[in-house]
Protein backbone atom coordinates (compact mmCIF):
# COMPACT_ATOMS: atom_id res chain seq x y z
CA MET A 1 0.00 0.00 0.00
CA VAL A 2 1.14 3.52 -0.80
CA ALA A 3 -0.56 6.77 0.18
CA VAL A 4 -0.01 10.08 -1.60
CA SER A 5 -0.67 13.49 -0.05
CA VAL A 6 -0.07 17.13 -0.97
CA ASP A 7 1.31 17.71 2.52
CA PRO A 8 5.04 18.43 2.90
CA PRO A 9 7.26 15.44 3.86
CA GLU A 10 7.62 16.51 7.50
CA VAL A 11 3.83 16.77 7.91
CA THR A 12 3.36 13.40 6.18
CA ARG A 13 5.96 11.75 8.47
CA GLU A 14 4.42 13.28 11.59
CA HIS A 15 0.95 12.10 10.57
CA ALA A 16 2.23 8.57 9.87
CA VAL A 17 3.88 8.36 13.29
CA LYS A 18 0.82 9.79 15.05
CA LYS A 19 -1.52 7.32 13.34
CA GLY A 20 0.89 4.36 13.51
CA TYR A 21 0.91 3.80 9.74
CA THR A 22 3.39 1.19 8.55
CA PHE A 23 2.82 1.66 4.82
CA THR A 24 4.61 4.12 2.54
CA LEU A 25 3.38 7.71 2.51
CA LEU A 26 4.57 9.95 -0.31
CA ALA A 27 4.57 13.74 -0.30
CA ASP A 28 3.34 15.16 -3.62
CA THR A 29 3.61 18.85 -2.69
CA LYS A 30 3.19 20.01 -6.29
CA ALA A 31 0.24 17.59 -6.78
CA GLU A 32 1.85 16.14 -9.92
CA VAL A 33 0.80 12.53 -9.27
CA ILE A 34 -2.54 13.66 -7.89
CA ARG A 35 -3.23 15.61 -11.11
CA LYS A 36 -2.07 12.68 -13.26
CA TYR A 37 -4.79 10.51 -11.71
CA ASP A 38 -7.33 13.38 -11.95
CA LEU A 39 -7.75 13.49 -8.18
CA LEU A 40 -7.12 17.16 -7.45
CA HIS A 41 -9.77 18.81 -5.29
CA ALA A 42 -8.86 22.42 -6.05
CA GLY A 43 -9.49 24.64 -3.04
CA GLY A 44 -10.85 21.76 -0.97
CA GLY A 45 -8.40 22.08 1.91
CA ILE A 46 -7.94 24.38 4.85
CA ARG A 47 -7.78 28.01 3.72
CA SER A 48 -8.84 26.84 0.24
CA THR A 49 -5.60 24.96 -0.45
CA ASP A 50 -5.56 22.23 -3.08
CA ILE A 51 -5.84 18.70 -1.72
CA ALA A 52 -6.16 15.19 -3.08
CA ARG A 53 -9.62 13.76 -3.55
CA PRO A 54 -9.99 10.58 -1.46
CA ALA A 55 -9.39 7.53 -3.65
CA GLU A 56 -8.11 3.98 -3.55
CA PHE A 57 -6.72 2.08 -6.51
CA LEU A 58 -5.94 -1.56 -7.04
CA ILE A 59 -3.11 -1.74 -9.57
CA ASP A 60 -1.85 -5.05 -10.91
CA PRO A 61 1.85 -5.91 -11.45
CA THR A 62 1.68 -4.64 -15.05
CA GLY A 63 0.58 -1.19 -13.86
CA THR A 64 -3.01 -1.61 -15.05
CA ILE A 65 -5.60 -0.02 -12.79
CA ARG A 66 -8.05 -2.82 -12.02
CA TRP A 67 -10.33 -1.11 -9.49
CA VAL A 68 -10.98 2.43 -8.25
CA ASN A 69 -12.90 3.67 -5.22
CA LEU A 70 -13.52 7.44 -5.31
CA THR A 71 -15.32 9.38 -2.60
CA ASP A 72 -15.95 12.98 -1.68
CA ASP A 73 -15.41 12.28 2.03
CA TYR A 74 -11.91 11.52 3.36
CA ARG A 75 -13.50 9.50 6.20
CA SER A 76 -15.15 7.09 3.76
CA ARG A 77 -12.55 4.49 2.76
CA ALA A 78 -12.60 0.95 1.50
CA ASN A 79 -11.77 -1.56 4.19
CA ALA A 80 -9.60 -4.68 3.95
CA GLU A 81 -12.60 -6.95 3.37
CA GLN A 82 -13.74 -4.85 0.40
CA PHE A 83 -10.24 -5.00 -1.14
CA LEU A 84 -10.06 -8.76 -0.68
CA ASN A 85 -13.49 -9.22 -2.27
CA VAL A 86 -12.43 -7.14 -5.28
CA ILE A 87 -9.21 -9.13 -5.62
CA ASP A 88 -11.14 -12.40 -5.50
CA LYS A 89 -13.53 -11.20 -8.21
CA LEU A 90 -10.84 -9.80 -10.52
CA ALA A 91 -8.10 -12.39 -10.47
CA PRO A 92 -8.18 -16.05 -11.32
CA ALA A 93 -6.26 -18.06 -8.72
CA SER A 94 -3.19 -18.25 -10.99
CA THR A 95 -2.90 -14.46 -11.58
CA PRO A 96 -1.64 -12.55 -8.54
CA LEU A 97 -2.80 -8.95 -8.18
CA LEU A 98 -0.60 -8.15 -5.22
């Protein structure tokens, strides 16, 4: 799992430590990756700063996006069970997605 945020690296690190995250968090302060995936929520942050729209992607080893979950609420996220169900539906037993 990888998370991408527009926050500066020091803010991203602090947030990861505070929340106990063990996955990779990337700082995309210029929103280049966020724009590439069409996830910019212009003016959606504090003091009308640009932020990333909440989204989860399941990307296979070839780089193909196999599933997307987009929301307008950062508190609404797919859980592990939802991801596992999607993986089961998308991949035959012989084709690993992870």
